[in-house]
Protein backbone atom coordinates (compact mmCIF):
# COMPACT_ATOMS: atom_id res chain seq x y z
CA MET A 1 -15.49 2.16 -11.26
CA VAL A 2 -11.78 1.61 -10.56
CA LYS A 3 -11.02 -2.01 -10.02
CA VAL A 4 -7.89 -2.77 -7.99
CA ILE A 5 -6.30 -5.61 -6.00
CA GLY A 6 -3.80 -5.80 -3.09
CA ILE A 7 -1.55 -8.83 -3.15
CA GLY A 8 0.65 -9.88 -0.38
CA ASP A 9 0.85 -9.31 3.44
CA ASN A 10 -1.89 -9.31 5.94
CA VAL A 11 -1.48 -9.21 9.72
CA CYS A 12 -3.06 -8.26 12.98
CA ASP A 13 -1.24 -5.51 14.82
CA LYS A 14 -1.39 -6.48 18.47
CA TYR A 15 -1.52 -3.36 20.67
CA GLU A 16 0.13 -4.54 23.88
CA HIS A 17 -0.94 -1.60 25.96
CA LEU A 18 -4.60 -2.18 24.96
CA ASN A 19 -4.58 -5.97 24.85
CA MET A 20 -6.38 -5.65 21.46
CA MET A 21 -5.52 -6.60 17.87
CA PHE A 22 -6.37 -4.66 14.71
CA PRO A 23 -6.30 -6.07 11.12
CA GLY A 24 -3.54 -4.58 8.92
CA GLY A 25 -0.65 -5.22 6.61
CA GLN A 26 0.40 -3.01 3.64
CA ALA A 27 -1.36 -5.15 0.91
CA LEU A 28 -4.51 -5.74 2.88
CA ASN A 29 -4.64 -2.09 4.05
CA PHE A 30 -4.64 -1.04 0.36
CA SER A 31 -7.53 -3.31 -0.38
CA VAL A 32 -9.57 -2.05 2.52
CA TYR A 33 -8.83 1.58 1.94
CA ALA A 34 -9.67 1.30 -1.74
CA LYS A 35 -13.08 -0.21 -0.82
CA MET A 36 -13.62 2.74 1.63
CA LEU A 37 -12.91 5.09 -1.25
CA GLY A 38 -15.52 3.51 -3.42
CA ALA A 39 -13.33 1.31 -5.65
CA ASP A 40 -14.13 -2.28 -6.67
CA SER A 41 -11.47 -3.84 -4.43
CA SER A 42 -10.14 -7.30 -3.87
CA TYR A 43 -7.40 -8.96 -1.80
CA LEU A 44 -5.14 -11.95 -2.60
CA GLY A 45 -2.85 -13.33 0.16
CA VAL A 46 -2.11 -16.09 2.51
CA PHE A 47 -3.80 -16.79 5.82
CA GLY A 48 -2.86 -19.02 8.69
CA ARG A 49 -5.26 -21.00 10.89
CA ASP A 50 -5.50 -19.13 14.19
CA GLU A 51 -7.56 -16.43 15.87
CA VAL A 52 -5.61 -13.74 14.02
CA ALA A 53 -6.54 -15.25 10.63
CA ASP A 54 -10.14 -15.71 11.70
CA HIS A 55 -10.34 -12.02 12.67
CA VAL A 56 -8.80 -10.66 9.39
CA ILE A 57 -11.03 -12.96 7.29
CA ALA A 58 -14.19 -11.91 9.24
CA THR A 59 -13.25 -8.23 8.81
CA LEU A 60 -12.84 -8.65 5.04
CA ASP A 61 -16.31 -10.29 4.85
CA GLU A 62 -17.83 -7.55 6.94
CA LEU A 63 -16.36 -4.88 4.67
CA GLY A 64 -17.24 -6.61 1.43
CA VAL A 65 -13.68 -7.05 0.14
CA GLU A 66 -13.47 -10.01 -2.15
CA HIS A 67 -10.81 -12.58 -1.18
CA GLY A 68 -11.88 -15.79 -2.73
CA ARG A 69 -8.49 -16.77 -4.21
CA CYS A 70 -6.59 -16.48 -1.04
CA ARG A 71 -4.54 -19.54 0.29
CA GLN A 72 -4.75 -20.81 3.83
CA TYR A 73 -2.29 -23.01 5.72
CA ASP A 74 -1.90 -24.53 9.09
CA GLY A 75 0.19 -22.16 11.35
CA GLU A 76 0.42 -18.64 12.57
CA ASN A 77 -1.06 -15.81 10.56
CA GLY A 78 1.17 -12.73 10.16
CA CYS A 79 1.12 -10.57 13.26
CA ALA A 80 3.05 -7.57 14.72
CA ARG A 81 3.41 -6.18 18.21
CA VAL A 82 2.73 -2.45 18.37
CA THR A 83 2.53 0.34 20.94
CA LEU A 84 1.78 4.05 20.69
CA VAL A 85 4.00 6.98 21.84
CA ASP A 86 2.15 10.29 21.61
CA GLY A 87 -0.02 8.96 18.82
CA ASP A 88 2.88 7.61 16.72
CA ARG A 89 2.88 3.94 16.27
CA VAL A 90 5.98 2.10 17.28
CA PHE A 91 6.63 -1.54 16.07
CA LEU A 92 8.01 -3.81 18.73
CA GLY A 93 8.54 -6.93 16.57
CA SER A 94 6.66 -9.51 14.40
CA ASN A 95 6.63 -13.05 13.23
CA ARG A 96 7.87 -11.85 9.79
CA GLY A 97 4.64 -12.83 7.98
CA GLY A 98 3.96 -16.14 9.70
CA VAL A 99 2.70 -18.71 7.17
CA LEU A 100 3.20 -16.20 4.33
CA ARG A 101 6.99 -16.44 4.78
CA GLU A 102 6.73 -20.24 4.68
CA HIS A 103 4.20 -20.44 1.89
CA PRO A 104 4.74 -17.32 -0.32
CA MET A 105 2.35 -16.69 -3.26
CA ASP A 106 3.16 -18.57 -6.46
CA LEU A 107 0.71 -17.26 -9.02
CA THR A 108 -0.95 -19.81 -11.24
CA THR A 109 -2.29 -19.39 -14.77
CA GLU A 110 -5.72 -19.12 -13.25
CA ASP A 111 -4.47 -16.38 -10.89
CA LEU A 112 -2.95 -14.38 -13.79
CA ASP A 113 -6.22 -14.59 -15.72
CA TYR A 114 -7.93 -13.30 -12.63
CA ILE A 115 -5.49 -10.47 -12.24
CA ARG A 116 -6.00 -9.32 -15.85
CA GLY A 117 -9.45 -8.12 -14.76
CA PHE A 118 -8.00 -5.39 -12.66
CA SER A 119 -6.67 -1.95 -13.43
CA LEU A 120 -3.86 -2.11 -10.85
CA VAL A 121 -2.06 -4.48 -8.52
CA HIS A 122 -0.53 -3.06 -5.33
CA THR A 123 2.06 -5.05 -3.25
CA SER A 124 4.81 -4.27 -0.74
CA ASN A 125 8.21 -5.02 0.41
CA ASN A 126 6.67 -7.18 3.30
CA SER A 127 4.78 -9.41 0.98
CA TRP A 128 7.35 -12.10 -0.02
CA PHE A 129 6.16 -11.43 -3.55
CA ASP A 130 9.11 -9.95 -5.40
CA ASP A 131 9.83 -13.16 -7.46
CA GLN A 132 6.25 -12.87 -8.90
CA LEU A 133 6.48 -9.30 -10.17
CA ALA A 134 7.52 -10.44 -13.68
CA LYS A 135 4.41 -12.51 -13.83
CA VAL A 136 2.18 -9.57 -12.86
CA LYS A 137 3.98 -7.50 -15.44
CA SER A 138 3.18 -10.11 -18.14
CA THR A 139 -0.51 -9.48 -17.57
CA GLY A 140 -0.24 -5.88 -18.79
CA VAL A 141 -1.93 -4.55 -15.53
CA MET A 142 -0.21 -1.58 -13.89
CA LEU A 143 1.82 -2.45 -10.69
CA SER A 144 2.41 -0.41 -7.60
CA TYR A 145 4.97 -1.22 -5.04
CA ASP A 146 5.59 0.19 -1.52
CA PHE A 147 9.24 0.00 -0.62
CA SER A 148 8.80 1.41 2.87
CA GLY A 149 12.36 1.92 3.84
CA ARG A 150 13.91 -0.61 1.43
CA TRP A 151 14.67 2.11 -1.13
CA LYS A 152 18.00 2.34 0.77
CA ASP A 153 18.90 -1.08 -0.54
CA PRO A 154 20.27 -0.92 -4.12
CA GLU A 155 19.78 -4.62 -4.73
CA TRP A 156 16.19 -4.46 -3.71
CA VAL A 157 15.60 -1.46 -5.96
CA ASP A 158 17.20 -3.14 -8.96
CA ARG A 159 14.97 -6.25 -8.29
CA VAL A 160 11.67 -4.24 -8.38
CA ALA A 161 12.30 -1.21 -10.55
CA PRO A 162 11.84 -2.92 -13.98
CA TYR A 163 8.30 -3.89 -13.06
CA ALA A 164 6.83 -1.05 -11.00
CA ASP A 165 4.66 1.71 -12.56
CA PHE A 166 4.31 3.45 -9.15
CA VAL A 167 6.61 3.22 -6.14
CA PHE A 168 6.10 4.61 -2.71
CA LEU A 169 9.04 5.42 -0.29
CA SER A 170 8.95 6.01 3.42
CA CYS A 171 11.38 8.88 3.77
CA GLY A 172 10.62 9.94 7.40
CA SER A 173 11.85 13.35 8.17
CA VAL A 174 14.32 13.84 5.23
CA SER A 175 14.38 17.36 3.80
CA GLU A 176 12.49 18.18 0.61
CA GLU A 177 15.86 18.50 -1.29
CA GLU A 178 16.96 15.11 -0.04
CA ALA A 179 13.62 13.59 -1.02
CA GLU A 180 14.05 14.99 -4.55
CA ASP A 181 17.48 13.49 -4.82
CA ILE A 182 16.12 10.10 -3.68
CA CYS A 183 13.33 10.40 -6.30
CA ARG A 184 15.89 11.09 -9.06
CA SER A 185 17.87 8.13 -8.06
CA MET A 186 14.82 5.88 -8.12
CA TYR A 187 13.85 7.27 -11.54
CA ALA A 188 17.32 6.55 -12.83
CA ALA A 189 16.93 2.95 -11.55
CA GLY A 190 13.87 2.56 -13.79
CA CYS A 191 10.90 3.48 -11.58
CA LYS A 192 8.31 5.54 -13.49
CA LYS A 193 6.34 7.46 -10.94
CA ILE A 194 7.78 7.93 -7.50
CA ILE A 195 6.11 9.19 -4.25
CA ALA A 196 8.21 9.89 -1.25
CA THR A 197 6.15 10.36 1.91
CA ARG A 198 7.71 12.37 4.70
CA GLY A 199 5.32 12.13 7.56
CA SER A 200 4.22 15.47 9.00
CA LYS A 201 6.34 17.19 6.31
CA GLY A 202 4.12 15.99 3.41
CA ALA A 203 5.02 14.14 0.27
CA VAL A 204 7.07 14.60 -3.00
CA PHE A 205 6.05 13.22 -6.40
CA TYR A 206 8.37 12.79 -9.33
CA ASP A 207 7.67 11.44 -12.90
CA GLY A 208 10.94 12.41 -14.65
CA SER A 209 9.44 15.68 -15.95
CA GLY A 210 8.89 17.60 -12.70
CA PHE A 211 8.40 17.56 -8.92
CA PHE A 212 5.21 18.13 -7.16
CA VAL A 213 4.99 18.72 -3.38
CA GLN A 214 1.89 17.94 -1.32
CA PRO A 215 1.82 19.59 2.04
CA PRO A 216 0.29 17.55 4.85
CA LYS A 217 -3.09 18.06 6.35
CA LEU A 218 -1.99 18.21 10.01
CA VAL A 219 -4.22 16.73 12.71
CA GLU A 220 -3.81 15.73 16.29
CA ALA A 221 -3.24 12.09 15.53
CA VAL A 222 -4.84 9.34 17.56
CA ASP A 223 -2.79 6.68 15.79
CA THR A 224 -0.43 7.13 12.73
CA LEU A 225 -0.60 3.39 11.82
CA GLY A 226 -1.77 3.22 8.15
CA ALA A 227 -0.91 6.83 7.32
CA GLY A 228 1.45 5.89 4.45
CA ASP A 229 -0.77 3.02 3.12
CA SER A 230 -3.77 5.28 3.19
CA PHE A 231 -1.99 8.09 1.32
CA ALA A 232 -0.86 5.59 -1.30
CA THR A 233 -4.24 4.05 -1.77
CA ALA A 234 -6.15 7.41 -2.11
CA PHE A 235 -3.58 8.76 -4.52
CA LEU A 236 -3.71 5.57 -6.70
CA VAL A 237 -7.54 5.29 -6.76
CA SER A 238 -7.82 8.97 -7.88
CA PHE A 239 -4.97 8.89 -10.44
CA ILE A 240 -6.09 5.52 -11.98
CA ASP A 241 -9.61 6.90 -12.20
CA SER A 242 -8.30 9.93 -14.19
CA LEU A 243 -6.29 7.54 -16.41
CA GLU A 244 -9.34 5.52 -17.21
CA ARG A 245 -11.70 8.38 -17.65
CA GLU A 246 -9.45 10.55 -19.91
CA PRO A 247 -6.60 8.39 -21.19
CA GLU A 248 -5.75 10.60 -24.15
CA LYS A 249 -5.74 13.84 -22.21
CA MET A 250 -3.66 12.26 -19.40
CA GLU A 251 -1.21 11.23 -22.06
CA GLN A 252 -1.18 14.26 -24.31
CA ASP A 253 -2.28 17.29 -22.33
CA ARG A 254 0.28 18.09 -19.68
CA GLU A 255 -1.93 20.84 -18.07
CA PHE A 256 -4.68 18.38 -17.55
CA TYR A 257 -2.34 15.77 -16.38
CA GLU A 258 -0.85 18.06 -13.75
CA ALA A 259 -4.32 19.18 -12.56
CA GLU A 260 -5.46 15.56 -12.15
CA LEU A 261 -2.08 14.72 -10.38
CA LYS A 262 -2.51 17.58 -7.86
CA LYS A 263 -6.05 16.51 -7.22
CA ALA A 264 -4.92 12.93 -6.48
CA LEU A 265 -2.17 14.18 -4.12
CA LYS A 266 -4.65 16.43 -2.28
CA LYS A 267 -7.22 13.59 -1.82
CA ALA A 268 -4.30 11.37 -0.53
CA SER A 269 -3.29 13.88 2.07
CA GLU A 270 -6.92 14.41 3.20
CA PHE A 271 -7.75 10.80 3.41
CA SER A 272 -4.51 9.87 5.23
CA SER A 273 -5.15 12.57 7.84
CA GLY A 274 -8.55 11.10 8.47
CA ILE A 275 -7.02 7.58 8.94
CA CYS A 276 -4.75 9.03 11.71
CA MET A 277 -7.95 9.70 13.70
CA VAL A 278 -8.69 6.00 13.88
CA GLN A 279 -7.17 3.30 16.11
CA GLY A 280 -5.32 0.63 14.18
CA ALA A 281 -4.96 0.80 10.41
CA PHE A 282 -8.69 1.11 10.07
CA GLY A 283 -10.35 0.19 13.35
CA HIS A 284 -12.13 -3.20 13.73
CA GLY A 285 -10.15 -4.10 16.85
CA ARG A 286 -10.98 -7.01 19.05
CA ALA A 287 -9.66 -8.21 22.45
CA ILE A 288 -6.69 -10.63 22.29
């Protein structure tokens, strides 16, 4: 069984039009989606002490996502204000991580020993974690990083690229040709495997040897919140499973590698489309 951990941000997305809040955050979403996909999944992050934190922690407990090494501090948990326009989520503002911004993760020797037990660490541009990436790299565990839109910032890219085995880019409605150019640029910066998600136009994967395009599975979305995170998670869980089951063939047999890659991209598209039929990132809403 694939064993993965999300490290970084957790929030509640507060839907003002519903007066409800739903657990989320890129790193936490990864951990929850991985669990939904059958992986052995954990989460490491920072909680505040308020009703938002209580709801996130209770949800992780309910879902069986291990979180025993998380920190907790007095203050506001991360939260964001959200609304929907024709099923598309629109962010209205946030407290920029709450206590996570004030008390970012500082990995200890014990944390690093714990991380060595996983196949992959996933984190994000919203996790206040970039200065810890070298420590993660020192463990030998693969690292995945979600840039969201920060791939447009050359300094941000240079800071992350030496450490990331997989990177995800939110490329909105850019053309396929533009997405390929962006992927080439990220590869030149040092990123190894790049996935540019393009919303309803699908996704582009690049590994320096070739491009692979995954068309979307279009649905009448209830809520697009979590679409990118769910795509990334399903891709990673499937691809890492292939790497662990058949390491030599994934390394030496290009035909096998490409077949497993295409399978991972297809699973990502299918899982992401299903998440778009759920309110919030993965449901579990409660009244504010």
